[in-house]
Amino acid sequence: MSSEEDVEAILNMKTIAVVGCSPKPGRPSHGVAAYLKSAGYRVIPVHPGVSRVLGETCYPSLKDIPGPVDVVDVFRRSEFALDVVREAVAVKAKAVWLQDGVESAEAEELARRHGLRVVMNDCMMRRHAMREHPGE
């Protein structure tokens, strides 16, 4: 499966759990989550110790989300990616998206072994914007 096929398939999914979603508007995770929400996705913030982000209930972990998750968008350092992917597999997510600078061959292998689509070291917001507004 090509990376472009994974990108397109993931961008067509609707429910995105943003792991590491900061309540601080200046943080990349907050900006990406706000963009995705404004683009019509259901965004579920995940960050321990925070109760609400972007007007949405924020959960301490993926396993605490009461309902299905399509995509797990990861804003954590690379060394934590494998643990996040383990949780994504446990909650039966369909895909994981590791944001800019986040890479883990182990996490990718685990996700793919369990049938999840994977994008690494890329920005979901940027790829969505490129798809919606080509040439800008």
N, C-alpha and C. Protein backbone atom coordinates (compact mmCIF):
# COMPACT_ATOMS: atom_id res chain seq x y z
N MET A 1 0.87 -1.18 0.00
CA MET A 1 0.00 0.00 0.00
C MET A 1 0.90 1.24 0.00
N SER A 2 0.67 2.12 -0.93
CA SER A 2 1.52 3.31 -1.01
C SER A 2 1.15 4.31 0.07
N SER A 3 2.08 5.14 0.41
CA SER A 3 1.85 6.18 1.40
C SER A 3 0.73 7.12 0.96
N GLU A 4 0.69 7.44 -0.34
CA GLU A 4 -0.37 8.33 -0.83
C GLU A 4 -1.75 7.69 -0.66
N GLU A 5 -1.82 6.38 -0.86
CA GLU A 5 -3.09 5.68 -0.65
C GLU A 5 -3.49 5.74 0.83
N ASP A 6 -2.52 5.57 1.71
CA ASP A 6 -2.80 5.67 3.15
C ASP A 6 -3.25 7.07 3.52
N VAL A 7 -2.56 8.09 3.00
CA VAL A 7 -2.94 9.48 3.29
C VAL A 7 -4.38 9.72 2.87
N GLU A 8 -4.73 9.36 1.66
CA GLU A 8 -6.08 9.61 1.15
C GLU A 8 -7.12 8.83 1.96
N ALA A 9 -6.85 7.58 2.25
CA ALA A 9 -7.80 6.77 3.03
C ALA A 9 -8.01 7.38 4.42
N ILE A 10 -6.93 7.81 5.05
CA ILE A 10 -7.05 8.39 6.40
C ILE A 10 -7.80 9.71 6.36
N LEU A 11 -7.51 10.54 5.37
CA LEU A 11 -8.21 11.83 5.28
C LEU A 11 -9.71 11.65 5.03
N ASN A 12 -10.13 10.48 4.56
CA ASN A 12 -11.55 10.20 4.36
C ASN A 12 -12.23 9.65 5.61
N MET A 13 -11.47 9.37 6.65
CA MET A 13 -12.04 8.91 7.92
C MET A 13 -12.57 10.12 8.68
N LYS A 14 -13.45 9.91 9.66
CA LYS A 14 -14.16 11.04 10.25
C LYS A 14 -13.85 11.36 11.71
N THR A 15 -13.46 10.36 12.52
CA THR A 15 -13.26 10.58 13.95
C THR A 15 -11.78 10.48 14.27
N ILE A 16 -11.22 11.58 14.79
CA ILE A 16 -9.78 11.67 15.02
C ILE A 16 -9.51 11.95 16.49
N ALA A 17 -8.78 11.04 17.15
CA ALA A 17 -8.31 11.27 18.50
C ALA A 17 -6.93 11.91 18.39
N VAL A 18 -6.76 13.10 18.96
CA VAL A 18 -5.49 13.82 18.88
C VAL A 18 -4.74 13.63 20.20
N VAL A 19 -3.75 12.72 20.18
CA VAL A 19 -2.99 12.38 21.38
C VAL A 19 -1.89 13.42 21.58
N GLY A 20 -1.91 14.05 22.77
CA GLY A 20 -0.97 15.13 23.05
C GLY A 20 -1.56 16.48 22.69
N CYS A 21 -2.88 16.56 22.58
CA CYS A 21 -3.55 17.80 22.19
C CYS A 21 -3.45 18.82 23.33
N SER A 22 -2.74 19.88 23.08
CA SER A 22 -2.50 20.90 24.10
C SER A 22 -3.67 21.87 24.21
N PRO A 23 -3.97 22.32 25.43
CA PRO A 23 -4.98 23.36 25.60
C PRO A 23 -4.45 24.75 25.22
N LYS A 24 -3.14 24.86 24.95
CA LYS A 24 -2.51 26.15 24.63
C LYS A 24 -2.61 26.44 23.14
N PRO A 25 -3.29 27.54 22.78
CA PRO A 25 -3.50 27.87 21.36
C PRO A 25 -2.23 28.00 20.53
N GLY A 26 -1.10 28.31 21.13
CA GLY A 26 0.14 28.47 20.37
C GLY A 26 0.84 27.18 20.02
N ARG A 27 0.36 26.07 20.55
CA ARG A 27 1.01 24.78 20.30
C ARG A 27 0.52 24.16 18.99
N PRO A 28 1.42 23.50 18.23
CA PRO A 28 1.01 22.88 16.98
C PRO A 28 -0.16 21.90 17.13
N SER A 29 -0.17 21.12 18.19
CA SER A 29 -1.26 20.14 18.37
C SER A 29 -2.61 20.83 18.48
N HIS A 30 -2.65 21.97 19.14
CA HIS A 30 -3.90 22.73 19.29
C HIS A 30 -4.35 23.28 17.93
N GLY A 31 -3.40 23.85 17.20
CA GLY A 31 -3.73 24.43 15.90
C GLY A 31 -4.21 23.39 14.89
N VAL A 32 -3.56 22.23 14.88
CA VAL A 32 -3.96 21.17 13.96
C VAL A 32 -5.35 20.65 14.34
N ALA A 33 -5.57 20.43 15.64
CA ALA A 33 -6.88 19.94 16.09
C ALA A 33 -7.98 20.95 15.75
N ALA A 34 -7.71 22.24 15.95
CA ALA A 34 -8.70 23.28 15.63
C ALA A 34 -9.00 23.28 14.13
N TYR A 35 -7.96 23.16 13.32
CA TYR A 35 -8.15 23.11 11.86
C TYR A 35 -9.00 21.91 11.47
N LEU A 36 -8.65 20.73 11.99
CA LEU A 36 -9.38 19.52 11.63
C LEU A 36 -10.85 19.62 12.06
N LYS A 37 -11.08 20.19 13.22
CA LYS A 37 -12.46 20.36 13.69
C LYS A 37 -13.21 21.30 12.75
N SER A 38 -12.57 22.40 12.34
CA SER A 38 -13.22 23.35 11.44
C SER A 38 -13.46 22.75 10.05
N ALA A 39 -12.67 21.72 9.71
CA ALA A 39 -12.82 21.06 8.41
C ALA A 39 -13.90 19.98 8.44
N GLY A 40 -14.56 19.81 9.60
CA GLY A 40 -15.68 18.89 9.68
C GLY A 40 -15.41 17.55 10.33
N TYR A 41 -14.17 17.34 10.78
CA TYR A 41 -13.86 16.09 11.47
C TYR A 41 -14.38 16.15 12.91
N ARG A 42 -14.68 14.99 13.47
CA ARG A 42 -14.95 14.91 14.90
C ARG A 42 -13.59 14.74 15.57
N VAL A 43 -13.21 15.73 16.38
CA VAL A 43 -11.90 15.73 17.03
C VAL A 43 -12.09 15.41 18.51
N ILE A 44 -11.34 14.42 18.99
CA ILE A 44 -11.37 14.03 20.39
C ILE A 44 -9.99 14.27 20.97
N PRO A 45 -9.84 15.31 21.82
CA PRO A 45 -8.54 15.58 22.43
C PRO A 45 -8.16 14.52 23.47
N VAL A 46 -6.88 14.15 23.49
CA VAL A 46 -6.36 13.19 24.47
C VAL A 46 -5.14 13.82 25.11
N HIS A 47 -5.25 14.08 26.43
CA HIS A 47 -4.15 14.68 27.17
C HIS A 47 -4.45 14.52 28.65
N PRO A 48 -3.61 13.79 29.39
CA PRO A 48 -3.89 13.60 30.82
C PRO A 48 -3.87 14.93 31.58
N GLY A 49 -4.77 15.07 32.51
CA GLY A 49 -4.78 16.26 33.36
C GLY A 49 -5.49 17.46 32.77
N VAL A 50 -6.08 17.32 31.60
CA VAL A 50 -6.80 18.42 30.96
C VAL A 50 -8.24 17.95 30.76
N SER A 51 -9.21 18.79 31.13
CA SER A 51 -10.61 18.35 31.03
C SER A 51 -11.28 18.73 29.72
N ARG A 52 -10.91 19.90 29.14
CA ARG A 52 -11.53 20.32 27.87
C ARG A 52 -10.49 21.02 27.00
N VAL A 53 -10.60 20.78 25.70
CA VAL A 53 -9.79 21.47 24.70
C VAL A 53 -10.71 21.74 23.51
N LEU A 54 -10.69 22.95 23.01
CA LEU A 54 -11.50 23.33 21.85
C LEU A 54 -12.99 23.06 22.07
N GLY A 55 -13.43 23.19 23.33
CA GLY A 55 -14.83 22.96 23.65
C GLY A 55 -15.23 21.50 23.70
N GLU A 56 -14.26 20.60 23.58
CA GLU A 56 -14.52 19.16 23.58
C GLU A 56 -13.99 18.53 24.87
N THR A 57 -14.66 17.48 25.33
CA THR A 57 -14.14 16.72 26.47
C THR A 57 -12.79 16.14 26.08
N CYS A 58 -11.83 16.28 26.98
CA CYS A 58 -10.48 15.77 26.75
C CYS A 58 -10.30 14.53 27.63
N TYR A 59 -9.81 13.46 27.06
CA TYR A 59 -9.65 12.20 27.77
C TYR A 59 -8.19 11.95 28.11
N PRO A 60 -7.94 11.27 29.25
CA PRO A 60 -6.55 11.03 29.65
C PRO A 60 -5.82 10.03 28.77
N SER A 61 -6.56 9.11 28.12
CA SER A 61 -5.93 8.13 27.24
C SER A 61 -6.94 7.65 26.21
N LEU A 62 -6.47 6.96 25.21
CA LEU A 62 -7.36 6.44 24.17
C LEU A 62 -8.40 5.49 24.75
N LYS A 63 -7.97 4.66 25.70
CA LYS A 63 -8.90 3.67 26.26
C LYS A 63 -10.04 4.31 27.03
N ASP A 64 -9.92 5.58 27.40
CA ASP A 64 -10.98 6.29 28.14
C ASP A 64 -12.04 6.89 27.23
N ILE A 65 -11.82 6.88 25.93
CA ILE A 65 -12.78 7.46 24.98
C ILE A 65 -13.97 6.50 24.84
N PRO A 66 -15.19 7.01 25.10
CA PRO A 66 -16.37 6.13 25.05
C PRO A 66 -16.96 6.02 23.65
N GLY A 67 -16.29 5.31 22.80
CA GLY A 67 -16.80 5.15 21.44
C GLY A 67 -15.66 4.89 20.48
N PRO A 68 -16.00 4.61 19.23
CA PRO A 68 -14.98 4.26 18.25
C PRO A 68 -14.14 5.45 17.80
N VAL A 69 -12.91 5.16 17.46
CA VAL A 69 -11.96 6.14 16.94
C VAL A 69 -11.46 5.60 15.60
N ASP A 70 -11.48 6.45 14.58
CA ASP A 70 -10.95 6.04 13.28
C ASP A 70 -9.44 6.23 13.22
N VAL A 71 -9.00 7.45 13.54
CA VAL A 71 -7.60 7.84 13.38
C VAL A 71 -7.04 8.30 14.72
N VAL A 72 -5.82 7.88 15.02
CA VAL A 72 -5.10 8.39 16.18
C VAL A 72 -3.98 9.26 15.63
N ASP A 73 -4.13 10.58 15.85
CA ASP A 73 -3.16 11.57 15.39
C ASP A 73 -2.21 11.84 16.55
N VAL A 74 -0.92 11.55 16.37
CA VAL A 74 0.03 11.50 17.48
C VAL A 74 0.95 12.72 17.51
N PHE A 75 0.82 13.50 18.59
CA PHE A 75 1.71 14.62 18.89
C PHE A 75 2.52 14.28 20.14
N ARG A 76 3.29 13.22 20.07
CA ARG A 76 4.17 12.82 21.16
C ARG A 76 5.54 12.56 20.54
N ARG A 77 6.57 12.61 21.36
CA ARG A 77 7.91 12.34 20.85
C ARG A 77 8.00 10.90 20.34
N SER A 78 8.91 10.68 19.41
CA SER A 78 9.06 9.39 18.75
C SER A 78 9.18 8.23 19.74
N GLU A 79 9.87 8.44 20.85
CA GLU A 79 10.07 7.33 21.78
C GLU A 79 8.76 6.88 22.46
N PHE A 80 7.71 7.69 22.36
CA PHE A 80 6.41 7.31 22.93
C PHE A 80 5.44 6.75 21.88
N ALA A 81 5.84 6.77 20.63
CA ALA A 81 4.93 6.37 19.55
C ALA A 81 4.49 4.91 19.67
N LEU A 82 5.39 4.03 20.05
CA LEU A 82 5.04 2.61 20.16
C LEU A 82 3.95 2.40 21.20
N ASP A 83 4.06 3.06 22.34
CA ASP A 83 3.02 2.92 23.38
C ASP A 83 1.68 3.44 22.88
N VAL A 84 1.69 4.56 22.15
CA VAL A 84 0.44 5.11 21.62
C VAL A 84 -0.16 4.14 20.60
N VAL A 85 0.67 3.55 19.76
CA VAL A 85 0.16 2.60 18.77
C VAL A 85 -0.39 1.36 19.47
N ARG A 86 0.23 0.91 20.54
CA ARG A 86 -0.34 -0.22 21.30
C ARG A 86 -1.75 0.10 21.75
N GLU A 87 -1.96 1.32 22.26
CA GLU A 87 -3.30 1.74 22.68
C GLU A 87 -4.24 1.83 21.48
N ALA A 88 -3.74 2.34 20.36
CA ALA A 88 -4.57 2.45 19.15
C ALA A 88 -5.04 1.08 18.71
N VAL A 89 -4.16 0.10 18.76
CA VAL A 89 -4.52 -1.28 18.41
C VAL A 89 -5.57 -1.79 19.40
N ALA A 90 -5.37 -1.52 20.69
CA ALA A 90 -6.30 -2.01 21.72
C ALA A 90 -7.70 -1.44 21.56
N VAL A 91 -7.81 -0.18 21.11
CA VAL A 91 -9.15 0.42 20.95
C VAL A 91 -9.70 0.21 19.54
N LYS A 92 -8.98 -0.57 18.74
CA LYS A 92 -9.42 -0.93 17.38
C LYS A 92 -9.55 0.28 16.44
N ALA A 93 -8.60 1.21 16.57
CA ALA A 93 -8.54 2.32 15.62
C ALA A 93 -8.22 1.76 14.24
N LYS A 94 -8.53 2.53 13.21
CA LYS A 94 -8.28 2.09 11.84
C LYS A 94 -6.94 2.60 11.30
N ALA A 95 -6.41 3.66 11.95
CA ALA A 95 -5.19 4.28 11.42
C ALA A 95 -4.46 5.06 12.49
N VAL A 96 -3.16 5.23 12.28
CA VAL A 96 -2.37 6.14 13.11
C VAL A 96 -1.63 7.11 12.20
N TRP A 97 -1.58 8.36 12.63
CA TRP A 97 -0.88 9.40 11.89
C TRP A 97 0.14 10.00 12.86
N LEU A 98 1.42 9.80 12.57
CA LEU A 98 2.48 10.35 13.40
C LEU A 98 2.91 11.67 12.78
N GLN A 99 2.73 12.73 13.52
CA GLN A 99 2.94 14.09 13.00
C GLN A 99 4.41 14.37 12.66
N ASP A 100 4.65 15.54 12.11
CA ASP A 100 6.01 15.96 11.73
C ASP A 100 7.02 15.64 12.83
N GLY A 101 8.10 14.99 12.45
CA GLY A 101 9.18 14.69 13.39
C GLY A 101 8.97 13.44 14.21
N VAL A 102 7.81 12.80 14.09
CA VAL A 102 7.54 11.59 14.87
C VAL A 102 7.70 10.38 13.96
N GLU A 103 8.67 9.53 14.30
CA GLU A 103 8.95 8.34 13.51
C GLU A 103 9.29 7.18 14.43
N SER A 104 8.80 6.00 14.10
CA SER A 104 9.13 4.78 14.84
C SER A 104 8.84 3.58 13.96
N ALA A 105 9.90 2.91 13.54
CA ALA A 105 9.74 1.71 12.71
C ALA A 105 8.98 0.64 13.48
N GLU A 106 9.24 0.52 14.77
CA GLU A 106 8.53 -0.47 15.60
C GLU A 106 7.04 -0.16 15.65
N ALA A 107 6.70 1.10 15.84
CA ALA A 107 5.30 1.50 15.92
C ALA A 107 4.61 1.24 14.58
N GLU A 108 5.29 1.57 13.48
CA GLU A 108 4.71 1.33 12.16
C GLU A 108 4.48 -0.16 11.93
N GLU A 109 5.46 -0.97 12.27
CA GLU A 109 5.36 -2.42 12.07
C GLU A 109 4.19 -2.99 12.89
N LEU A 110 4.07 -2.57 14.14
CA LEU A 110 2.98 -3.06 14.98
C LEU A 110 1.62 -2.66 14.41
N ALA A 111 1.50 -1.41 14.00
CA ALA A 111 0.24 -0.93 13.45
C ALA A 111 -0.13 -1.70 12.19
N ARG A 112 0.81 -1.84 11.28
CA ARG A 112 0.52 -2.54 10.02
C ARG A 112 0.21 -4.02 10.26
N ARG A 113 0.90 -4.64 11.22
CA ARG A 113 0.64 -6.04 11.55
C ARG A 113 -0.80 -6.23 12.01
N HIS A 114 -1.38 -5.19 12.63
CA HIS A 114 -2.75 -5.26 13.11
C HIS A 114 -3.75 -4.62 12.14
N GLY A 115 -3.30 -4.33 10.92
CA GLY A 115 -4.20 -3.86 9.88
C GLY A 115 -4.51 -2.37 9.89
N LEU A 116 -3.74 -1.59 10.66
CA LEU A 116 -3.96 -0.14 10.68
C LEU A 116 -3.18 0.51 9.55
N ARG A 117 -3.75 1.54 8.98
CA ARG A 117 -3.03 2.38 8.03
C ARG A 117 -2.09 3.29 8.83
N VAL A 118 -0.95 3.66 8.22
CA VAL A 118 0.05 4.45 8.92
C VAL A 118 0.61 5.54 8.03
N VAL A 119 0.71 6.74 8.61
CA VAL A 119 1.49 7.83 8.01
C VAL A 119 2.43 8.32 9.10
N MET A 120 3.72 8.51 8.74
CA MET A 120 4.72 8.97 9.71
C MET A 120 5.39 10.24 9.22
N ASN A 121 5.78 11.06 10.19
CA ASN A 121 6.58 12.25 9.92
C ASN A 121 5.93 13.13 8.85
N ASP A 122 4.65 13.43 9.06
CA ASP A 122 3.90 14.26 8.13
C ASP A 122 2.82 14.98 8.93
N CYS A 123 2.26 16.03 8.38
CA CYS A 123 1.25 16.82 9.08
C CYS A 123 -0.13 16.59 8.46
N MET A 124 -1.05 16.14 9.26
CA MET A 124 -2.40 15.86 8.78
C MET A 124 -3.09 17.13 8.28
N MET A 125 -2.90 18.23 8.98
CA MET A 125 -3.50 19.50 8.57
C MET A 125 -2.95 19.94 7.21
N ARG A 126 -1.64 19.89 7.06
CA ARG A 126 -1.01 20.30 5.79
C ARG A 126 -1.49 19.44 4.64
N ARG A 127 -1.55 18.12 4.86
CA ARG A 127 -1.98 17.22 3.78
C ARG A 127 -3.45 17.44 3.44
N HIS A 128 -4.29 17.70 4.44
CA HIS A 128 -5.69 17.98 4.17
C HIS A 128 -5.82 19.28 3.38
N ALA A 129 -5.10 20.31 3.80
CA ALA A 129 -5.16 21.61 3.11
C ALA A 129 -4.68 21.48 1.67
N MET A 130 -3.63 20.69 1.44
CA MET A 130 -3.12 20.48 0.08
C MET A 130 -4.18 19.79 -0.79
N ARG A 131 -4.90 18.86 -0.20
CA ARG A 131 -5.94 18.14 -0.94
C ARG A 131 -7.11 19.06 -1.26
N GLU A 132 -7.49 19.89 -0.30
CA GLU A 132 -8.65 20.75 -0.47
C GLU A 132 -8.35 21.96 -1.35
N HIS A 133 -7.11 22.42 -1.34
CA HIS A 133 -6.71 23.63 -2.09
C HIS A 133 -5.43 23.37 -2.87
N PRO A 134 -5.47 22.50 -3.86
CA PRO A 134 -4.25 22.17 -4.61
C PRO A 134 -3.67 23.41 -5.29
N GLY A 135 -2.35 23.46 -5.26
CA GLY A 135 -1.67 24.56 -5.95
C GLY A 135 -1.51 25.83 -5.13
N GLU A 136 -2.07 25.84 -3.91
CA GLU A 136 -1.91 27.06 -3.08
C GLU A 136 -0.65 26.99 -2.26
